[in-house]
Each structure stands twice: as structure tokens, then as C-alpha cells.
Amino acid sequence: MTTLVQARAGTIDLGALDLEVDDDGTLTVYTPPTELYGIAEALQAKGVTPAVAQLGKIPQTLAPIDAADAAKVERMIDALEDLDDVQNVYTNADLDAVAEVGQGGS
């Protein structure tokens, strides 16, 4: 079985742009859009099976919002996600910063 360190090194060698390891050990790999499936297949060939391989939109800049606007944005996102025709919903609102402030973080 491939270790996380080997997977990280191999992913960089395959052309990944960036990597993140979550607290639970989940490895998120950022690739150029045109390389996503090639890198996923190469990882599988090395014994690393991706749980998910999908394109996502990640904002370059997050927009700061206050708690009242954050609640509105979250309600709108929830409403959009409930629609059958909607597959993904993206936002550049900095909802994590609002949650941290609400929990006493900085």
C-alpha cells in the first residue's frame, strides 16, 4: 500500500499544482483542469484510488461578508443545492471567516 508521503511525492511528479492534507489524512490534489483525469489515472496505476476526481471552482480572492449577509448567502446556497437541475454551487464569499468570528476565533 502506498503511504501518504509516497502519494504526495508521486502526485507532484505527475504534474499536480498543489496539495493539501486535511486533519483526517485526506489528500486533496489541485491540478490544471486538462490534467485532472490523467493524474487520477496515474495515481490509480500507482495504487492510490481517488475517492473523488472532479473539477471544482476555487476562488482566487474571497469576498469578506458580515454575519447577516453570510446567513443570506448560506440560505441561497441551500436553496440552489435543493434544485434537481443544479449539480454544484460555488461562491467566493468568505463564509469560513464569518464562522470563525462567530465561534470566537480571529
C-alpha atoms as a PDB file:
ATOM      1  CA  MET A   1       0.000   0.000   0.000  1.00  0.00           C
ATOM      2  CA  THR A   2       1.267   3.451  -0.873  1.00  0.00           C
ATOM      3  CA  THR A   3       1.923   5.784   2.054  1.00  0.00           C
ATOM      4  CA  LEU A   4       0.699   9.370   2.151  1.00  0.00           C
ATOM      5  CA  VAL A   5       4.255  10.657   1.726  1.00  0.00           C
ATOM      6  CA  GLN A   6       4.766   8.498  -1.375  1.00  0.00           C
ATOM      7  CA  ALA A   7       1.397   9.611  -2.759  1.00  0.00           C
ATOM      8  CA  ARG A   8       2.308  13.260  -2.238  1.00  0.00           C
ATOM      9  CA  ALA A   9       5.698  12.907  -3.900  1.00  0.00           C
ATOM     10  CA  GLY A  10       4.236  10.934  -6.779  1.00  0.00           C
ATOM     11  CA  THR A  11       1.459  13.457  -7.284  1.00  0.00           C
ATOM     12  CA  ILE A  12       3.913  16.336  -7.630  1.00  0.00           C
ATOM     13  CA  ASP A  13       5.894  14.275 -10.142  1.00  0.00           C
ATOM     14  CA  LEU A  14       2.692  13.735 -12.151  1.00  0.00           C
ATOM     15  CA  GLY A  15       2.107  17.480 -12.537  1.00  0.00           C
ATOM     16  CA  ALA A  16      -0.075  18.498  -9.603  1.00  0.00           C
ATOM     17  CA  LEU A  17      -0.121  22.227  -8.851  1.00  0.00           C
ATOM     18  CA  ASP A  18      -0.701  21.985  -5.118  1.00  0.00           C
ATOM     19  CA  LEU A  19      -1.629  19.546  -2.369  1.00  0.00           C
ATOM     20  CA  GLU A  20      -3.477  19.786   0.929  1.00  0.00           C
ATOM     21  CA  VAL A  21      -3.766  17.200   3.683  1.00  0.00           C
ATOM     22  CA  ASP A  22      -6.859  17.527   5.880  1.00  0.00           C
ATOM     23  CA  ASP A  23      -6.884  16.696   9.601  1.00  0.00           C
ATOM     24  CA  ASP A  24      -8.333  13.261   8.802  1.00  0.00           C
ATOM     25  CA  GLY A  25      -5.481  12.489   6.390  1.00  0.00           C
ATOM     26  CA  THR A  26      -7.450  13.154   3.219  1.00  0.00           C
ATOM     27  CA  LEU A  27      -5.198  14.314   0.405  1.00  0.00           C
ATOM     28  CA  THR A  28      -6.655  16.979  -1.908  1.00  0.00           C
ATOM     29  CA  VAL A  29      -4.763  17.388  -5.166  1.00  0.00           C
ATOM     30  CA  TYR A  30      -5.014  20.546  -7.266  1.00  0.00           C
ATOM     31  CA  THR A  31      -4.271  20.057 -10.957  1.00  0.00           C
ATOM     32  CA  PRO A  32      -4.628  22.021 -14.163  1.00  0.00           C
ATOM     33  CA  PRO A  33      -8.144  21.267 -15.484  1.00  0.00           C
ATOM     34  CA  THR A  34      -6.776  19.500 -18.546  1.00  0.00           C
ATOM     35  CA  GLU A  35      -4.637  17.178 -16.400  1.00  0.00           C
ATOM     36  CA  LEU A  36      -7.224  16.078 -13.812  1.00  0.00           C
ATOM     37  CA  TYR A  37      -8.190  12.709 -15.222  1.00  0.00           C
ATOM     38  CA  GLY A  38      -4.687  11.868 -16.420  1.00  0.00           C
ATOM     39  CA  ILE A  39      -3.314  12.430 -12.928  1.00  0.00           C
ATOM     40  CA  ALA A  40      -6.199  10.470 -11.367  1.00  0.00           C
ATOM     41  CA  GLU A  41      -5.494   7.520 -13.688  1.00  0.00           C
ATOM     42  CA  ALA A  42      -1.761   7.716 -12.979  1.00  0.00           C
ATOM     43  CA  LEU A  43      -2.448   7.668  -9.229  1.00  0.00           C
ATOM     44  CA  GLN A  44      -4.652   4.598  -9.659  1.00  0.00           C
ATOM     45  CA  ALA A  45      -1.836   2.903 -11.569  1.00  0.00           C
ATOM     46  CA  LYS A  46       0.409   3.595  -8.553  1.00  0.00           C
ATOM     47  CA  GLY A  47      -2.115   2.023  -6.168  1.00  0.00           C
ATOM     48  CA  VAL A  48      -3.769   5.207  -4.890  1.00  0.00           C
ATOM     49  CA  THR A  49      -7.512   5.169  -5.542  1.00  0.00           C
ATOM     50  CA  PRO A  50      -9.038   8.660  -5.514  1.00  0.00           C
ATOM     51  CA  ALA A  51     -12.296   8.868  -3.551  1.00  0.00           C
ATOM     52  CA  VAL A  52     -13.407  11.665  -5.889  1.00  0.00           C
ATOM     53  CA  ALA A  53     -11.962  13.078  -9.107  1.00  0.00           C
ATOM     54  CA  GLN A  54     -13.866  16.156 -10.186  1.00  0.00           C
ATOM     55  CA  LEU A  55     -13.353  19.673 -11.422  1.00  0.00           C
ATOM     56  CA  GLY A  56     -14.185  22.432  -8.990  1.00  0.00           C
ATOM     57  CA  LYS A  57     -14.065  26.186  -8.999  1.00  0.00           C
ATOM     58  CA  ILE A  58     -11.855  27.689  -6.333  1.00  0.00           C
ATOM     59  CA  PRO A  59     -11.897  31.477  -5.974  1.00  0.00           C
ATOM     60  CA  GLN A  60      -8.646  33.374  -6.341  1.00  0.00           C
ATOM     61  CA  THR A  61      -9.923  36.014  -3.911  1.00  0.00           C
ATOM     62  CA  LEU A  62     -12.520  35.583  -1.170  1.00  0.00           C
ATOM     63  CA  ALA A  63     -15.047  38.362  -0.595  1.00  0.00           C
ATOM     64  CA  PRO A  64     -15.410  39.362   3.051  1.00  0.00           C
ATOM     65  CA  ILE A  65     -19.021  39.481   4.263  1.00  0.00           C
ATOM     66  CA  ASP A  66     -20.697  40.153   7.594  1.00  0.00           C
ATOM     67  CA  ALA A  67     -22.726  37.616   9.574  1.00  0.00           C
ATOM     68  CA  ALA A  68     -26.107  38.837   8.307  1.00  0.00           C
ATOM     69  CA  ASP A  69     -25.022  38.558   4.669  1.00  0.00           C
ATOM     70  CA  ALA A  70     -23.384  35.192   5.369  1.00  0.00           C
ATOM     71  CA  ALA A  71     -26.705  33.841   6.632  1.00  0.00           C
ATOM     72  CA  LYS A  72     -28.414  35.059   3.445  1.00  0.00           C
ATOM     73  CA  VAL A  73     -25.733  33.528   1.229  1.00  0.00           C
ATOM     74  CA  GLU A  74     -25.952  30.203   3.065  1.00  0.00           C
ATOM     75  CA  ARG A  75     -29.759  30.152   2.669  1.00  0.00           C
ATOM     76  CA  MET A  76     -29.397  30.916  -1.042  1.00  0.00           C
ATOM     77  CA  ILE A  77     -26.774  28.180  -1.475  1.00  0.00           C
ATOM     78  CA  ASP A  78     -29.012  25.697   0.344  1.00  0.00           C
ATOM     79  CA  ALA A  79     -31.977  26.649  -1.867  1.00  0.00           C
ATOM     80  CA  LEU A  80     -29.902  26.276  -5.040  1.00  0.00           C
ATOM     81  CA  GLU A  81     -28.491  22.906  -3.941  1.00  0.00           C
ATOM     82  CA  ASP A  82     -32.039  21.646  -3.337  1.00  0.00           C
ATOM     83  CA  LEU A  83     -32.931  22.175  -7.006  1.00  0.00           C
ATOM     84  CA  ASP A  84     -32.832  18.983  -9.096  1.00  0.00           C
ATOM     85  CA  ASP A  85     -31.157  20.684 -12.064  1.00  0.00           C
ATOM     86  CA  VAL A  86     -28.271  22.108 -10.004  1.00  0.00           C
ATOM     87  CA  GLN A  87     -25.145  19.960  -9.782  1.00  0.00           C
ATOM     88  CA  ASN A  88     -22.717  22.295  -7.976  1.00  0.00           C
ATOM     89  CA  VAL A  89     -22.899  25.705  -6.304  1.00  0.00           C
ATOM     90  CA  TYR A  90     -19.828  27.923  -5.938  1.00  0.00           C
ATOM     91  CA  THR A  91     -19.269  31.170  -4.066  1.00  0.00           C
ATOM     92  CA  ASN A  92     -16.370  33.471  -3.343  1.00  0.00           C
ATOM     93  CA  ALA A  93     -17.969  34.663  -0.075  1.00  0.00           C
ATOM     94  CA  ASP A  94     -15.612  34.085   2.845  1.00  0.00           C
ATOM     95  CA  LEU A  95     -18.031  32.005   4.924  1.00  0.00           C
ATOM     96  CA  ASP A  96     -15.241  30.351   6.933  1.00  0.00           C
ATOM     97  CA  ALA A  97     -14.088  33.721   8.313  1.00  0.00           C
ATOM     98  CA  VAL A  98     -17.647  34.502   9.442  1.00  0.00           C
ATOM     99  CA  ALA A  99     -17.905  31.098  11.154  1.00  0.00           C
ATOM    100  CA  GLU A 100     -14.572  31.650  12.940  1.00  0.00           C
ATOM    101  CA  VAL A 101     -15.682  35.058  14.214  1.00  0.00           C
ATOM    102  CA  GLY A 102     -18.968  33.564  15.417  1.00  0.00           C
ATOM    103  CA  GLN A 103     -17.054  30.867  17.331  1.00  0.00           C
ATOM    104  CA  GLY A 104     -14.722  33.357  18.952  1.00  0.00           C
ATOM    105  CA  GLY A 105     -11.815  32.792  16.554  1.00  0.00           C
ATOM    106  CA  SER A 106      -9.844  35.537  14.880  1.00  0.00           C
END
